[in-house]
Protein backbone atom coordinates (compact mmCIF):
# COMPACT_ATOMS: atom_id res chain seq x y z
CA MET A 1 90.03 91.58 108.90
CA ARG A 2 91.35 89.18 111.53
CA LEU A 3 90.02 85.68 112.03
CA ILE A 4 89.61 84.94 115.73
CA ASP A 5 88.62 81.98 117.89
CA ALA A 6 85.15 83.20 118.93
CA ASP A 7 84.71 80.33 121.41
CA ALA A 8 87.89 81.35 123.25
CA LEU A 9 86.79 84.99 123.18
CA LEU A 10 83.39 84.06 124.65
CA ALA A 11 85.07 82.02 127.39
CA ALA A 12 87.36 84.96 128.23
CA TYR A 13 84.38 87.33 128.25
CA ASP A 14 82.38 85.03 130.53
CA SER A 15 85.31 84.71 132.97
CA GLN A 16 85.49 88.50 133.28
CA HIS A 17 81.76 89.31 133.46
CA GLU A 18 79.13 88.10 135.89
CA GLY A 19 75.40 88.39 135.55
CA PRO A 20 73.24 88.49 132.42
CA PRO A 21 74.96 88.61 129.01
CA GLY A 22 75.77 92.09 127.80
CA LYS A 23 75.77 93.70 124.37
CA ALA A 24 79.41 92.73 123.73
CA ARG A 25 78.66 89.02 124.28
CA LYS A 26 75.70 89.22 121.89
CA LEU A 27 77.95 90.76 119.20
CA ILE A 28 80.47 87.93 119.62
CA GLU A 29 77.73 85.28 119.42
CA ASP A 30 76.23 86.85 116.28
CA ALA A 31 79.55 87.35 114.45
CA PRO A 32 79.81 85.50 111.11
CA THR A 33 81.82 82.30 111.16
CA VAL A 34 84.06 80.83 108.51
CA SER A 35 83.15 77.27 107.63
CA GLY A 36 86.71 76.20 106.87
CA TRP A 37 88.72 75.02 103.92
CA SER A 38 87.65 72.27 101.52
CA SER A 39 90.26 70.31 99.61
CA VAL A 40 89.75 70.35 95.84
CA GLU A 41 90.19 66.56 96.04
CA ASP A 42 87.07 66.35 98.24
CA GLY A 43 84.86 68.55 96.08
CA LEU A 44 84.54 71.79 94.14
CA PRO A 45 82.19 74.77 94.39
CA GLU A 46 78.78 74.36 92.80
CA THR A 47 78.63 75.48 89.17
CA TYR A 48 75.82 76.87 87.06
CA LEU A 49 75.28 78.02 83.48
CA SER A 50 77.23 81.17 82.66
CA MET A 51 75.83 84.25 81.02
CA PHE A 52 77.55 83.04 77.82
CA SER A 53 75.69 79.72 77.73
CA ARG A 54 73.08 80.96 75.27
CA PHE A 55 75.84 81.38 72.67
CA HIS A 56 77.20 77.83 73.11
CA GLY A 57 77.24 75.99 69.81
CA THR A 58 76.68 79.13 67.71
CA ASN A 59 79.08 80.97 65.45
CA LYS A 60 79.24 83.68 68.15
CA TRP A 61 80.93 81.27 70.62
CA SER A 62 84.61 82.06 71.30
CA ASN A 63 87.46 80.73 73.45
CA ALA A 64 86.96 83.68 75.82
CA MET A 65 83.53 82.32 76.83
CA TRP A 66 82.69 79.44 79.15
CA LEU A 67 79.57 77.33 79.55
CA MET A 68 79.67 76.63 83.31
CA GLU A 69 80.98 78.82 86.13
CA SER A 70 81.02 79.04 89.92
CA ASP A 71 80.68 81.90 92.34
CA THR A 72 83.90 83.59 93.43
CA VAL A 73 85.46 81.80 96.41
CA ILE A 74 88.60 82.13 98.53
CA VAL A 75 91.35 79.81 97.26
CA ALA A 76 94.65 78.55 98.65
CA VAL A 77 97.27 78.33 95.91
CA ARG A 78 100.56 76.42 95.77
CA PHE A 79 103.37 77.29 93.33
CA PRO A 80 105.97 74.90 91.86
CA ASP A 81 108.64 76.19 94.28
CA GLY A 82 106.45 75.21 97.26
CA THR A 83 105.37 78.70 98.27
CA ARG A 84 101.71 79.34 98.96
CA THR A 85 99.28 82.23 98.95
CA VAL A 86 95.58 82.95 99.34
CA THR A 87 93.50 84.83 96.79
CA THR A 88 90.09 84.64 95.17
CA GLY A 89 89.09 82.50 92.22
CA SER A 90 86.26 80.79 90.41
CA LEU A 91 85.71 77.79 88.17
CA HIS A 92 85.16 78.19 84.44
CA ASP A 93 84.25 74.92 82.74
CA GLY A 94 86.02 73.00 85.51
CA LYS A 95 89.25 75.03 85.39
CA TRP A 96 90.31 77.48 88.08
CA GLY A 97 90.72 81.13 87.25
CA THR A 98 92.45 83.37 89.81
CA LYS A 99 94.02 86.83 89.89
CA ILE A 100 97.42 85.11 89.61
CA SER A 101 99.08 84.92 86.21
CA PRO A 102 98.91 81.40 84.71
CA VAL A 103 102.60 81.84 83.76
CA LEU A 104 103.43 81.27 87.46
CA ASN A 105 101.78 77.82 87.32
CA PRO A 106 99.50 78.27 90.36
CA VAL A 107 97.72 75.16 91.61
CA VAL A 108 94.54 75.62 93.66
CA THR A 109 94.67 73.15 96.56
CA HIS A 110 91.80 74.30 98.81
CA TRP A 111 88.82 76.64 98.68
CA MET A 112 86.14 78.09 100.94
CA PRO A 113 83.05 80.22 100.36
CA MET A 114 83.29 83.98 100.72
CA PRO A 115 82.10 85.19 104.13
CA PRO A 116 78.82 87.09 104.26
CA GLU A 117 78.95 90.85 103.82
CA PRO A 118 79.12 92.74 107.10
CA GLU A 119 75.99 94.35 108.44
CA VAL A 120 76.11 98.07 109.13
CA ILE A 121 75.19 98.68 112.73
CA LYS A 122 73.57 102.09 113.21
CA GLN A 123 74.23 103.65 116.58
């Protein structure tokens, strides 16, 4: 998937096409947009009770369970050597979990919601 500047694409389309808007312009207008990155210093994803919450405070509770969790989001990660990458992650009791090994000391700096699933267009 490529992220594009839809406003620039619409302007280019309009400069090349006269008359009423066509099907291509409608597809561009209706394309999902990405809301942008949020700094973890400005806020975190909303959390809710996890499926493990009913065991909290019982003898069945373990360190592998968490009380609160967030939906999976896209995260920007910085490593101690200054390199960066993007992956997915979620919060578990206020701590980030990603697909990156904790041994590498990843630090989540920004996050954004997952984009909506694409619609299948039947022709």
